[in-house]
C-alpha atoms as a PDB file:
ATOM      1  CA  MET A   1      -1.676  -1.558  -7.927  1.00  0.00           C
ATOM      2  CA  PRO A   2       0.268  -4.034  -9.521  1.00  0.00           C
ATOM      3  CA  ILE A   3      -0.248  -3.958 -13.720  1.00  0.00           C
ATOM      4  CA  HIS A   4      -0.968  -7.655 -13.577  1.00  0.00           C
ATOM      5  CA  LEU A   5      -4.253  -6.877 -11.938  1.00  0.00           C
ATOM      6  CA  LEU A   6      -5.478  -5.079 -14.867  1.00  0.00           C
ATOM      7  CA  SER A   7      -5.561  -7.905 -17.040  1.00  0.00           C
ATOM      8  CA  ALA A   8      -7.626  -9.699 -14.447  1.00  0.00           C
ATOM      9  CA  CYS A   9     -10.444  -7.161 -14.379  1.00  0.00           C
ATOM     10  CA  ASN A  10     -11.872  -4.431 -16.489  1.00  0.00           C
ATOM     11  CA  PRO A  11     -11.040  -1.152 -14.627  1.00  0.00           C
ATOM     12  CA  PRO A  12     -13.172   1.704 -15.403  1.00  0.00           C
ATOM     13  CA  ALA A  13     -11.753   4.559 -18.326  1.00  0.00           C
ATOM     14  CA  TRP A  14     -11.066   6.861 -15.498  1.00  0.00           C
ATOM     15  CA  VAL A  15      -8.978   4.711 -13.708  1.00  0.00           C
ATOM     16  CA  ILE A  16      -6.822   3.664 -16.953  1.00  0.00           C
ATOM     17  CA  ALA A  17      -6.722   7.943 -17.707  1.00  0.00           C
ATOM     18  CA  ASN A  18      -5.489   8.298 -14.357  1.00  0.00           C
ATOM     19  CA  LEU A  19      -3.037   5.637 -14.700  1.00  0.00           C
ATOM     20  CA  GLN A  20      -1.834   7.153 -18.035  1.00  0.00           C
ATOM     21  CA  ARG A  21      -1.492  10.767 -16.729  1.00  0.00           C
ATOM     22  CA  MET A  22       0.707   9.567 -13.649  1.00  0.00           C
ATOM     23  CA  PHE A  23       2.979   7.818 -15.798  1.00  0.00           C
ATOM     24  CA  ALA A  24       3.230  10.417 -18.387  1.00  0.00           C
ATOM     25  CA  LYS A  25       4.193  13.044 -15.606  1.00  0.00           C
ATOM     26  CA  PHE A  26       6.850  10.483 -14.306  1.00  0.00           C
ATOM     27  CA  PHE A  27       8.275  10.164 -17.537  1.00  0.00           C
ATOM     28  CA  TRP A  28       7.772  13.623 -18.982  1.00  0.00           C
ATOM     29  CA  SER A  29       7.897  15.542 -16.053  1.00  0.00           C
ATOM     30  CA  ASN A  30      10.778  14.745 -14.025  1.00  0.00           C
ATOM     31  CA  THR A  31      12.132  17.734 -12.217  1.00  0.00           C
ATOM     32  CA  VAL A  32      15.559  18.095 -10.708  1.00  0.00           C
ATOM     33  CA  GLY A  33      15.697  21.677  -8.348  1.00  0.00           C
ATOM     34  CA  ASN A  34      13.685  24.228 -10.489  1.00  0.00           C
ATOM     35  CA  SER A  35      14.538  22.781 -13.942  1.00  0.00           C
ATOM     36  CA  SER A  36      12.645  20.328 -16.202  1.00  0.00           C
ATOM     37  CA  LYS A  37      14.558  17.120 -16.967  1.00  0.00           C
ATOM     38  CA  HIS A  38      13.015  15.123 -19.721  1.00  0.00           C
ATOM     39  CA  TRP A  39      13.839  11.045 -20.223  1.00  0.00           C
ATOM     40  CA  THR A  40      15.200  10.303 -24.247  1.00  0.00           C
ATOM     41  CA  SER A  41      15.946   6.938 -25.727  1.00  0.00           C
END
């Protein structure tokens, strides 16, 4: 789902919560092999 679509409609709170969970899992739980690698700034 394109993010700009969220500005045109008002999605339910559970949709926003699921998107935030997926983004957090992608950025903070990136695994390489068996070890977890965290993104840093």
